[in-house]
């Protein structure tokens, strides 16, 4: 006999606000970022990178940004987190990086 007192059912199709945490057994949670919001973040990131005066740092940042874009498209969390770390080292804290990081 199994304990049914913990069973809640599915939450598919519901929309909760940011930072909502459902605690239970066997829970899978994900945050969906609007693709327009993500596109805007990548545009802001490209603008910030273009403002880098040092050619070598700018080229590195452009490469990391390209890799980050690919990682978001492939849902590659390991590469995405690495690219965010590298870009954060070059750019410092940027709102566009925070938005993109929320995907991972």
PDB file of N, CA and C in Angstrom:
ATOM      1  N   UNK A   1       0.845  -1.174   0.000  1.00  0.00           N
ATOM      2  CA  UNK A   1       0.000   0.000   0.000  1.00  0.00           C
ATOM      3  C   UNK A   1       0.897   1.246   0.000  1.00  0.00           C
ATOM      4  N   UNK A   2       0.612   2.185  -0.853  1.00  0.00           N
ATOM      5  CA  UNK A   2       1.418   3.402  -0.951  1.00  0.00           C
ATOM      6  C   UNK A   2       0.742   4.553  -0.229  1.00  0.00           C
ATOM      7  N   UNK A   3       1.570   5.483   0.207  1.00  0.00           N
ATOM      8  CA  UNK A   3       1.068   6.672   0.902  1.00  0.00           C
ATOM      9  C   UNK A   3       0.568   7.680  -0.120  1.00  0.00           C
ATOM     10  N   UNK A   4      -0.723   7.881  -0.206  1.00  0.00           N
ATOM     11  CA  UNK A   4      -1.317   8.803  -1.162  1.00  0.00           C
ATOM     12  C   UNK A   4      -1.452  10.220  -0.602  1.00  0.00           C
ATOM     13  N   UNK A   5      -1.088  10.436   0.652  1.00  0.00           N
ATOM     14  CA  UNK A   5      -1.279  11.753   1.260  1.00  0.00           C
ATOM     15  C   UNK A   5      -0.393  12.823   0.638  1.00  0.00           C
ATOM     16  N   UNK A   6       0.679  12.408  -0.051  1.00  0.00           N
ATOM     17  CA  UNK A   6       1.591  13.369  -0.666  1.00  0.00           C
ATOM     18  C   UNK A   6       1.253  13.656  -2.116  1.00  0.00           C
ATOM     19  N   UNK A   7       0.370  12.926  -2.702  1.00  0.00           N
ATOM     20  CA  UNK A   7       0.077  13.045  -4.121  1.00  0.00           C
ATOM     21  C   UNK A   7      -0.750  14.301  -4.401  1.00  0.00           C
ATOM     22  N   UNK A   8      -0.218  15.140  -5.320  1.00  0.00           N
ATOM     23  CA  UNK A   8      -0.905  16.384  -5.651  1.00  0.00           C
ATOM     24  C   UNK A   8      -1.422  16.401  -7.077  1.00  0.00           C
ATOM     25  N   UNK A   9      -0.866  15.614  -7.947  1.00  0.00           N
ATOM     26  CA  UNK A   9      -1.270  15.668  -9.342  1.00  0.00           C
ATOM     27  C   UNK A   9      -0.337  16.551 -10.145  1.00  0.00           C
ATOM     28  N   UNK A  10      -0.716  16.867 -11.353  1.00  0.00           N
ATOM     29  CA  UNK A  10       0.120  17.641 -12.256  1.00  0.00           C
ATOM     30  C   UNK A  10      -0.203  19.130 -12.185  1.00  0.00           C
ATOM     31  N   UNK A  11       0.812  19.926 -12.455  1.00  0.00           N
ATOM     32  CA  UNK A  11       0.667  21.380 -12.500  1.00  0.00           C
ATOM     33  C   UNK A  11       0.841  21.900 -13.921  1.00  0.00           C
ATOM     34  N   UNK A  12       0.778  21.040 -14.914  1.00  0.00           N
ATOM     35  CA  UNK A  12       1.003  21.461 -16.296  1.00  0.00           C
ATOM     36  C   UNK A  12       0.024  22.561 -16.681  1.00  0.00           C
ATOM     37  N   UNK A  13       0.538  23.550 -17.406  1.00  0.00           N
ATOM     38  CA  UNK A  13      -0.316  24.610 -17.908  1.00  0.00           C
ATOM     39  C   UNK A  13      -0.534  25.760 -16.941  1.00  0.00           C
ATOM     40  N   UNK A  14      -0.008  25.653 -15.730  1.00  0.00           N
ATOM     41  CA  UNK A  14      -0.163  26.732 -14.763  1.00  0.00           C
ATOM     42  C   UNK A  14       0.975  27.726 -14.900  1.00  0.00           C
ATOM     43  N   UNK A  15       0.729  28.949 -14.529  1.00  0.00           N
ATOM     44  CA  UNK A  15       1.733  30.004 -14.624  1.00  0.00           C
ATOM     45  C   UNK A  15       1.969  30.570 -13.234  1.00  0.00           C
ATOM     46  N   UNK A  16       3.160  30.303 -12.695  1.00  0.00           N
ATOM     47  CA  UNK A  16       3.534  30.823 -11.386  1.00  0.00           C
ATOM     48  C   UNK A  16       4.519  31.960 -11.589  1.00  0.00           C
ATOM     49  N   UNK A  17       4.638  32.854 -10.639  1.00  0.00           N
ATOM     50  CA  UNK A  17       5.585  33.961 -10.718  1.00  0.00           C
ATOM     51  C   UNK A  17       7.017  33.476 -10.556  1.00  0.00           C
ATOM     52  N   UNK A  18       7.971  34.399 -10.766  1.00  0.00           N
ATOM     53  CA  UNK A  18       9.375  34.077 -10.575  1.00  0.00           C
ATOM     54  C   UNK A  18       9.624  33.630  -9.142  1.00  0.00           C
ATOM     55  N   UNK A  19      10.600  32.791  -8.992  1.00  0.00           N
ATOM     56  CA  UNK A  19      11.061  32.310  -7.688  1.00  0.00           C
ATOM     57  C   UNK A  19      10.023  31.480  -6.945  1.00  0.00           C
ATOM     58  N   UNK A  20       9.074  30.890  -7.648  1.00  0.00           N
ATOM     59  CA  UNK A  20       8.131  29.986  -7.022  1.00  0.00           C
ATOM     60  C   UNK A  20       8.781  28.622  -6.939  1.00  0.00           C
ATOM     61  N   UNK A  21       8.788  28.045  -5.764  1.00  0.00           N
ATOM     62  CA  UNK A  21       9.414  26.747  -5.572  1.00  0.00           C
ATOM     63  C   UNK A  21       8.365  25.797  -5.022  1.00  0.00           C
ATOM     64  N   UNK A  22       8.178  24.702  -5.712  1.00  0.00           N
ATOM     65  CA  UNK A  22       7.270  23.657  -5.261  1.00  0.00           C
ATOM     66  C   UNK A  22       8.136  22.549  -4.682  1.00  0.00           C
ATOM     67  N   UNK A  23       7.961  22.239  -3.415  1.00  0.00           N
ATOM     68  CA  UNK A  23       8.767  21.204  -2.798  1.00  0.00           C
ATOM     69  C   UNK A  23       7.942  19.944  -2.652  1.00  0.00           C
ATOM     70  N   UNK A  24       8.492  18.878  -3.175  1.00  0.00           N
ATOM     71  CA  UNK A  24       7.849  17.588  -3.093  1.00  0.00           C
ATOM     72  C   UNK A  24       8.842  16.563  -3.598  1.00  0.00           C
ATOM     73  N   UNK A  25       8.402  15.358  -3.739  1.00  0.00           N
ATOM     74  CA  UNK A  25       9.254  14.317  -4.298  1.00  0.00           C
ATOM     75  C   UNK A  25       9.078  14.292  -5.801  1.00  0.00           C
ATOM     76  N   UNK A  26      10.153  13.999  -6.519  1.00  0.00           N
ATOM     77  CA  UNK A  26      10.113  13.843  -7.974  1.00  0.00           C
ATOM     78  C   UNK A  26       9.572  15.083  -8.685  1.00  0.00           C
ATOM     79  N   UNK A  27      10.036  16.250  -8.296  1.00  0.00           N
ATOM     80  CA  UNK A  27       9.594  17.500  -8.902  1.00  0.00           C
ATOM     81  C   UNK A  27      10.600  17.934  -9.944  1.00  0.00           C
ATOM     82  N   UNK A  28      10.103  18.311 -11.103  1.00  0.00           N
ATOM     83  CA  UNK A  28      10.937  18.895 -12.141  1.00  0.00           C
ATOM     84  C   UNK A  28      10.403  20.279 -12.421  1.00  0.00           C
ATOM     85  N   UNK A  29      11.250  21.289 -12.217  1.00  0.00           N
ATOM     86  CA  UNK A  29      10.832  22.661 -12.436  1.00  0.00           C
ATOM     87  C   UNK A  29      11.728  23.291 -13.482  1.00  0.00           C
ATOM     88  N   UNK A  30      11.161  24.163 -14.268  1.00  0.00           N
ATOM     89  CA  UNK A  30      11.954  24.894 -15.249  1.00  0.00           C
ATOM     90  C   UNK A  30      11.363  26.285 -15.385  1.00  0.00           C
ATOM     91  N   UNK A  31      12.218  27.211 -15.806  1.00  0.00           N
ATOM     92  CA  UNK A  31      11.767  28.574 -16.027  1.00  0.00           C
ATOM     93  C   UNK A  31      11.805  28.833 -17.518  1.00  0.00           C
ATOM     94  N   UNK A  32      10.714  29.282 -18.055  1.00  0.00           N
ATOM     95  CA  UNK A  32      10.635  29.581 -19.477  1.00  0.00           C
ATOM     96  C   UNK A  32      10.830  31.083 -19.652  1.00  0.00           C
ATOM     97  N   UNK A  33      11.828  31.438 -20.445  1.00  0.00           N
ATOM     98  CA  UNK A  33      12.094  32.841 -20.730  1.00  0.00           C
ATOM     99  C   UNK A  33      11.540  33.140 -22.112  1.00  0.00           C
ATOM    100  N   UNK A  34      10.790  34.197 -22.209  1.00  0.00           N
ATOM    101  CA  UNK A  34      10.230  34.633 -23.483  1.00  0.00           C
ATOM    102  C   UNK A  34      11.359  34.786 -24.493  1.00  0.00           C
ATOM    103  N   UNK A  35      11.205  34.232 -25.691  1.00  0.00           N
ATOM    104  CA  UNK A  35      12.270  34.299 -26.692  1.00  0.00           C
ATOM    105  C   UNK A  35      12.578  35.745 -27.089  1.00  0.00           C
ATOM    106  N   UNK A  36      11.590  36.615 -27.071  1.00  0.00           N
ATOM    107  CA  UNK A  36      11.827  38.030 -27.354  1.00  0.00           C
ATOM    108  C   UNK A  36      12.709  38.656 -26.291  1.00  0.00           C
ATOM    109  N   UNK A  37      12.469  38.266 -25.050  1.00  0.00           N
ATOM    110  CA  UNK A  37      13.282  38.754 -23.934  1.00  0.00           C
ATOM    111  C   UNK A  37      14.722  38.266 -24.083  1.00  0.00           C
ATOM    112  N   UNK A  38      14.874  37.026 -24.497  1.00  0.00           N
ATOM    113  CA  UNK A  38      16.201  36.450 -24.698  1.00  0.00           C
ATOM    114  C   UNK A  38      16.908  37.115 -25.880  1.00  0.00           C
ATOM    115  N   UNK A  39      16.177  37.361 -26.955  1.00  0.00           N
ATOM    116  CA  UNK A  39      16.750  38.065 -28.116  1.00  0.00           C
ATOM    117  C   UNK A  39      17.217  39.458 -27.726  1.00  0.00           C
ATOM    118  N   UNK A  40      16.408  40.164 -26.945  1.00  0.00           N
ATOM    119  CA  UNK A  40      16.790  41.500 -26.478  1.00  0.00           C
ATOM    120  C   UNK A  40      18.053  41.437 -25.620  1.00  0.00           C
ATOM    121  N   UNK A  41      18.145  40.417 -24.781  1.00  0.00           N
ATOM    122  CA  UNK A  41      19.325  40.267 -23.927  1.00  0.00           C
ATOM    123  C   UNK A  41      20.572  40.042 -24.775  1.00  0.00           C
ATOM    124  N   UNK A  42      20.459  39.224 -25.825  1.00  0.00           N
ATOM    125  CA  UNK A  42      21.614  38.999 -26.703  1.00  0.00           C
ATOM    126  C   UNK A  42      21.969  40.265 -27.482  1.00  0.00           C
ATOM    127  N   UNK A  43      20.979  41.053 -27.862  1.00  0.00           N
ATOM    128  CA  UNK A  43      21.256  42.329 -28.540  1.00  0.00           C
ATOM    129  C   UNK A  43      21.974  43.302 -27.605  1.00  0.00           C
ATOM    130  N   UNK A  44      21.515  43.365 -26.355  1.00  0.00           N
ATOM    131  CA  UNK A  44      22.169  44.222 -25.364  1.00  0.00           C
ATOM    132  C   UNK A  44      23.600  43.750 -25.108  1.00  0.00           C
ATOM    133  N   UNK A  45      23.773  42.432 -25.057  1.00  0.00           N
ATOM    134  CA  UNK A  45      25.106  41.859 -24.849  1.00  0.00           C
ATOM    135  C   UNK A  45      26.033  42.237 -26.001  1.00  0.00           C
ATOM    136  N   UNK A  46      25.547  42.140 -27.230  1.00  0.00           N
ATOM    137  CA  UNK A  46      26.348  42.504 -28.405  1.00  0.00           C
ATOM    138  C   UNK A  46      26.741  43.977 -28.366  1.00  0.00           C
ATOM    139  N   UNK A  47      25.821  44.839 -27.942  1.00  0.00           N
ATOM    140  CA  UNK A  47      26.120  46.267 -27.825  1.00  0.00           C
ATOM    141  C   UNK A  47      27.208  46.501 -26.791  1.00  0.00           C
ATOM    142  N   UNK A  48      27.075  45.851 -25.644  1.00  0.00           N
ATOM    143  CA  UNK A  48      28.063  46.011 -24.572  1.00  0.00           C
ATOM    144  C   UNK A  48      29.435  45.511 -25.037  1.00  0.00           C
ATOM    145  N   UNK A  49      29.460  44.408 -25.763  1.00  0.00           N
ATOM    146  CA  UNK A  49      30.723  43.861 -26.274  1.00  0.00           C
ATOM    147  C   UNK A  49      31.342  44.814 -27.287  1.00  0.00           C
ATOM    148  N   UNK A  50      30.523  45.408 -28.129  1.00  0.00           N
ATOM    149  CA  UNK A  50      31.045  46.318 -29.159  1.00  0.00           C
ATOM    150  C   UNK A  50      31.704  47.559 -28.559  1.00  0.00           C
ATOM    151  N   UNK A  51      31.386  47.860 -27.312  1.00  0.00           N
ATOM    152  CA  UNK A  51      31.961  49.018 -26.633  1.00  0.00           C
ATOM    153  C   UNK A  51      33.333  48.741 -26.018  1.00  0.00           C
ATOM    154  N   UNK A  52      33.776  47.484 -26.042  1.00  0.00           N
ATOM    155  CA  UNK A  52      35.082  47.129 -25.483  1.00  0.00           C
ATOM    156  C   UNK A  52      36.175  47.703 -26.379  1.00  0.00           C
ATOM    157  N   UNK A  53      37.074  48.468 -25.795  1.00  0.00           N
ATOM    158  CA  UNK A  53      38.136  49.137 -26.563  1.00  0.00           C
ATOM    159  C   UNK A  53      39.254  48.183 -26.971  1.00  0.00           C
ATOM    160  N   UNK A  54      39.629  47.267 -26.097  1.00  0.00           N
ATOM    161  CA  UNK A  54      40.714  46.319 -26.350  1.00  0.00           C
ATOM    162  C   UNK A  54      40.257  45.288 -27.391  1.00  0.00           C
ATOM    163  N   UNK A  55      40.925  45.286 -28.552  1.00  0.00           N
ATOM    164  CA  UNK A  55      40.524  44.392 -29.654  1.00  0.00           C
ATOM    165  C   UNK A  55      40.530  42.922 -29.253  1.00  0.00           C
ATOM    166  N   UNK A  56      41.553  42.500 -28.542  1.00  0.00           N
ATOM    167  CA  UNK A  56      41.664  41.091 -28.158  1.00  0.00           C
ATOM    168  C   UNK A  56      40.536  40.686 -27.213  1.00  0.00           C
ATOM    169  N   UNK A  57      40.258  41.517 -26.222  1.00  0.00           N
ATOM    170  CA  UNK A  57      39.157  41.218 -25.291  1.00  0.00           C
ATOM    171  C   UNK A  57      37.815  41.226 -26.006  1.00  0.00           C
ATOM    172  N   UNK A  58      37.647  42.183 -26.934  1.00  0.00           N
ATOM    173  CA  UNK A  58      36.387  42.258 -27.680  1.00  0.00           C
ATOM    174  C   UNK A  58      36.186  41.002 -28.522  1.00  0.00           C
ATOM    175  N   UNK A  59      37.246  40.534 -29.190  1.00  0.00           N
ATOM    176  CA  UNK A  59      37.146  39.325 -30.010  1.00  0.00           C
ATOM    177  C   UNK A  59      36.846  38.102 -29.148  1.00  0.00           C
ATOM    178  N   UNK A  60      37.486  38.021 -27.990  1.00  0.00           N
ATOM    179  CA  UNK A  60      37.193  36.915 -27.073  1.00  0.00           C
ATOM    180  C   UNK A  60      35.733  36.954 -26.636  1.00  0.00           C
ATOM    181  N   UNK A  61      35.272  38.136 -26.259  1.00  0.00           N
ATOM    182  CA  UNK A  61      33.890  38.287 -25.806  1.00  0.00           C
ATOM    183  C   UNK A  61      32.903  37.937 -26.922  1.00  0.00           C
ATOM    184  N   UNK A  62      33.206  38.321 -28.164  1.00  0.00           N
ATOM    185  CA  UNK A  62      32.347  37.979 -29.301  1.00  0.00           C
ATOM    186  C   UNK A  62      32.280  36.465 -29.481  1.00  0.00           C
ATOM    187  N   UNK A  63      33.432  35.804 -29.360  1.00  0.00           N
ATOM    188  CA  UNK A  63      33.461  34.339 -29.476  1.00  0.00           C
ATOM    189  C   UNK A  63      32.637  33.692 -28.360  1.00  0.00           C
ATOM    190  N   UNK A  64      32.844  34.157 -27.118  1.00  0.00           N
ATOM    191  CA  UNK A  64      32.102  33.597 -25.991  1.00  0.00           C
ATOM    192  C   UNK A  64      30.600  33.827 -26.157  1.00  0.00           C
ATOM    193  N   UNK A  65      30.220  34.987 -26.673  1.00  0.00           N
ATOM    194  CA  UNK A  65      28.802  35.289 -26.885  1.00  0.00           C
ATOM    195  C   UNK A  65      28.194  34.366 -27.943  1.00  0.00           C
ATOM    196  N   UNK A  66      28.957  34.086 -29.004  1.00  0.00           N
ATOM    197  CA  UNK A  66      28.482  33.152 -30.029  1.00  0.00           C
ATOM    198  C   UNK A  66      28.283  31.759 -29.440  1.00  0.00           C
ATOM    199  N   UNK A  67      29.249  31.327 -28.629  1.00  0.00           N
ATOM    200  CA  UNK A  67      29.146  30.019 -27.989  1.00  0.00           C
ATOM    201  C   UNK A  67      27.977  29.968 -27.010  1.00  0.00           C
ATOM    202  N   UNK A  68      27.740  31.076 -26.327  1.00  0.00           N
ATOM    203  CA  UNK A  68      26.620  31.162 -25.396  1.00  0.00           C
ATOM    204  C   UNK A  68      25.293  31.055 -26.143  1.00  0.00           C
ATOM    205  N   UNK A  69      25.193  31.727 -27.275  1.00  0.00           N
ATOM    206  CA  UNK A  69      23.969  31.664 -28.095  1.00  0.00           C
ATOM    207  C   UNK A  69      23.707  30.223 -28.537  1.00  0.00           C
ATOM    208  N   UNK A  70      24.769  29.542 -29.013  1.00  0.00           N
ATOM    209  CA  UNK A  70      24.630  28.137 -29.413  1.00  0.00           C
ATOM    210  C   UNK A  70      24.209  27.270 -28.231  1.00  0.00           C
ATOM    211  N   UNK A  71      24.787  27.536 -27.076  1.00  0.00           N
ATOM    212  CA  UNK A  71      24.452  26.754 -25.878  1.00  0.00           C
ATOM    213  C   UNK A  71      22.982  26.921 -25.504  1.00  0.00           C
ATOM    214  N   UNK A  72      22.440  28.141 -25.649  1.00  0.00           N
ATOM    215  CA  UNK A  72      21.024  28.340 -25.334  1.00  0.00           C
ATOM    216  C   UNK A  72      20.138  27.602 -26.339  1.00  0.00           C
ATOM    217  N   UNK A  73      20.553  27.600 -27.600  1.00  0.00           N
ATOM    218  CA  UNK A  73      19.767  26.919 -28.630  1.00  0.00           C
ATOM    219  C   UNK A  73      19.780  25.402 -28.433  1.00  0.00           C
ATOM    220  N   UNK A  74      20.892  24.877 -27.931  1.00  0.00           N
ATOM    221  CA  UNK A  74      21.032  23.427 -27.731  1.00  0.00           C
ATOM    222  C   UNK A  74      20.702  23.003 -26.301  1.00  0.00           C
ATOM    223  N   UNK A  75      20.344  23.974 -25.457  1.00  0.00           N
ATOM    224  CA  UNK A  75      20.081  23.719 -24.035  1.00  0.00           C
ATOM    225  C   UNK A  75      21.280  23.032 -23.372  1.00  0.00           C
ATOM    226  N   UNK A  76      22.478  23.511 -23.716  1.00  0.00           N
ATOM    227  CA  UNK A  76      23.730  22.979 -23.176  1.00  0.00           C
ATOM    228  C   UNK A  76      24.104  23.790 -21.940  1.00  0.00           C
ATOM    229  N   UNK A  77      23.662  23.311 -20.784  1.00  0.00           N
ATOM    230  CA  UNK A  77      23.833  24.053 -19.540  1.00  0.00           C
ATOM    231  C   UNK A  77      25.298  24.197 -19.132  1.00  0.00           C
ATOM    232  N   UNK A  78      26.104  23.188 -19.346  1.00  0.00           N
ATOM    233  CA  UNK A  78      27.512  23.234 -18.947  1.00  0.00           C
ATOM    234  C   UNK A  78      28.250  24.318 -19.728  1.00  0.00           C
ATOM    235  N   UNK A  79      28.138  24.280 -21.044  1.00  0.00           N
ATOM    236  CA  UNK A  79      28.798  25.290 -21.876  1.00  0.00           C
ATOM    237  C   UNK A  79      28.231  26.672 -21.600  1.00  0.00           C
ATOM    238  N   UNK A  80      26.920  26.771 -21.456  1.00  0.00           N
ATOM    239  CA  UNK A  80      26.284  28.059 -21.181  1.00  0.00           C
ATOM    240  C   UNK A  80      26.823  28.700 -19.919  1.00  0.00           C
ATOM    241  N   UNK A  81      26.915  27.916 -18.851  1.00  0.00           N
ATOM    242  CA  UNK A  81      27.429  28.449 -17.587  1.00  0.00           C
ATOM    243  C   UNK A  81      28.894  28.872 -17.722  1.00  0.00           C
ATOM    244  N   UNK A  82      29.673  28.110 -18.466  1.00  0.00           N
ATOM    245  CA  UNK A  82      31.083  28.471 -18.672  1.00  0.00           C
ATOM    246  C   UNK A  82      31.196  29.788 -19.435  1.00  0.00           C
ATOM    247  N   UNK A  83      30.405  29.948 -20.495  1.00  0.00           N
ATOM    248  CA  UNK A  83      30.472  31.166 -21.302  1.00  0.00           C
ATOM    249  C   UNK A  83      30.023  32.385 -20.500  1.00  0.00           C
ATOM    250  N   UNK A  84      29.009  32.212 -19.667  1.00  0.00           N
ATOM    251  CA  UNK A  84      28.557  33.308 -18.811  1.00  0.00           C
ATOM    252  C   UNK A  84      29.666  33.710 -17.849  1.00  0.00           C
ATOM    253  N   UNK A  85      30.346  32.713 -17.297  1.00  0.00           N
ATOM    254  CA  UNK A  85      31.462  32.991 -16.385  1.00  0.00           C
ATOM    255  C   UNK A  85      32.564  33.770 -17.106  1.00  0.00           C
ATOM    256  N   UNK A  86      32.928  33.346 -18.309  1.00  0.00           N
ATOM    257  CA  UNK A  86      33.968  34.035 -19.076  1.00  0.00           C
ATOM    258  C   UNK A  86      33.545  35.465 -19.421  1.00  0.00           C
ATOM    259  N   UNK A  87      32.314  35.603 -19.889  1.00  0.00           N
ATOM    260  CA  UNK A  87      31.819  36.940 -20.254  1.00  0.00           C
ATOM    261  C   UNK A  87      31.714  37.850 -19.031  1.00  0.00           C
ATOM    262  N   UNK A  88      31.314  37.292 -17.907  1.00  0.00           N
ATOM    263  CA  UNK A  88      31.239  38.081 -16.680  1.00  0.00           C
ATOM    264  C   UNK A  88      32.626  38.584 -16.284  1.00  0.00           C
ATOM    265  N   UNK A  89      33.658  37.764 -16.528  1.00  0.00           N
ATOM    266  CA  UNK A  89      35.023  38.173 -16.235  1.00  0.00           C
ATOM    267  C   UNK A  89      35.481  39.334 -17.107  1.00  0.00           C
ATOM    268  N   UNK A  90      34.989  39.385 -18.332  1.00  0.00           N
ATOM    269  CA  UNK A  90      35.370  40.450 -19.263  1.00  0.00           C
ATOM    270  C   UNK A  90      34.502  41.693 -19.072  1.00  0.00           C
ATOM    271  N   UNK A  91      33.198  41.488 -18.956  1.00  0.00           N
ATOM    272  CA  UNK A  91      32.246  42.610 -18.934  1.00  0.00           C
ATOM    273  C   UNK A  91      31.861  43.072 -17.533  1.00  0.00           C
ATOM    274  N   UNK A  92      32.043  42.221 -16.551  1.00  0.00           N
ATOM    275  CA  UNK A  92      31.493  42.507 -15.229  1.00  0.00           C
ATOM    276  C   UNK A  92      30.010  42.149 -15.233  1.00  0.00           C
ATOM    277  N   UNK A  93      29.311  42.562 -14.241  1.00  0.00           N
ATOM    278  CA  UNK A  93      27.887  42.247 -14.146  1.00  0.00           C
ATOM    279  C   UNK A  93      27.115  43.051 -15.189  1.00  0.00           C
ATOM    280  N   UNK A  94      26.343  42.345 -15.985  1.00  0.00           N
ATOM    281  CA  UNK A  94      25.521  42.982 -17.017  1.00  0.00           C
ATOM    282  C   UNK A  94      24.123  42.396 -16.932  1.00  0.00           C
ATOM    283  N   UNK A  95      23.116  43.237 -17.038  1.00  0.00           N
ATOM    284  CA  UNK A  95      21.731  42.751 -16.930  1.00  0.00           C
ATOM    285  C   UNK A  95      21.423  41.728 -18.017  1.00  0.00           C
ATOM    286  N   UNK A  96      22.022  41.915 -19.205  1.00  0.00           N
ATOM    287  CA  UNK A  96      21.783  40.953 -20.282  1.00  0.00           C
ATOM    288  C   UNK A  96      22.310  39.572 -19.910  1.00  0.00           C
ATOM    289  N   UNK A  97      23.447  39.511 -19.228  1.00  0.00           N
ATOM    290  CA  UNK A  97      23.991  38.218 -18.799  1.00  0.00           C
ATOM    291  C   UNK A  97      23.102  37.574 -17.751  1.00  0.00           C
ATOM    292  N   UNK A  98      22.545  38.384 -16.875  1.00  0.00           N
ATOM    293  CA  UNK A  98      21.640  37.852 -15.849  1.00  0.00           C
ATOM    294  C   UNK A  98      20.401  37.240 -16.490  1.00  0.00           C
ATOM    295  N   UNK A  99      19.844  37.929 -17.482  1.00  0.00           N
ATOM    296  CA  UNK A  99      18.673  37.414 -18.191  1.00  0.00           C
ATOM    297  C   UNK A  99      19.001  36.102 -18.890  1.00  0.00           C
ATOM    298  N   UNK A 100      20.137  36.076 -19.596  1.00  0.00           N
ATOM    299  CA  UNK A 100      20.534  34.867 -20.307  1.00  0.00           C
ATOM    300  C   UNK A 100      20.836  33.734 -19.330  1.00  0.00           C
ATOM    301  N   UNK A 101      21.467  34.060 -18.211  1.00  0.00           N
ATOM    302  CA  UNK A 101      21.809  33.042 -17.196  1.00  0.00           C
ATOM    303  C   UNK A 101      20.562  32.379 -16.629  1.00  0.00           C
ATOM    304  N   UNK A 102      19.452  33.076 -16.626  1.00  0.00           N
ATOM    305  CA  UNK A 102      18.222  32.496 -16.069  1.00  0.00           C
ATOM    306  C   UNK A 102      17.734  31.297 -16.870  1.00  0.00           C
ATOM    307  N   UNK A 103      18.215  31.149 -18.097  1.00  0.00           N
ATOM    308  CA  UNK A 103      17.857  29.994 -18.927  1.00  0.00           C
ATOM    309  C   UNK A 103      18.527  28.733 -18.381  1.00  0.00           C
ATOM    310  N   UNK A 104      19.686  28.917 -17.794  1.00  0.00           N
ATOM    311  CA  UNK A 104      20.455  27.763 -17.325  1.00  0.00           C
ATOM    312  C   UNK A 104      20.199  27.532 -15.854  1.00  0.00           C
TER     313      UNK A 104
END
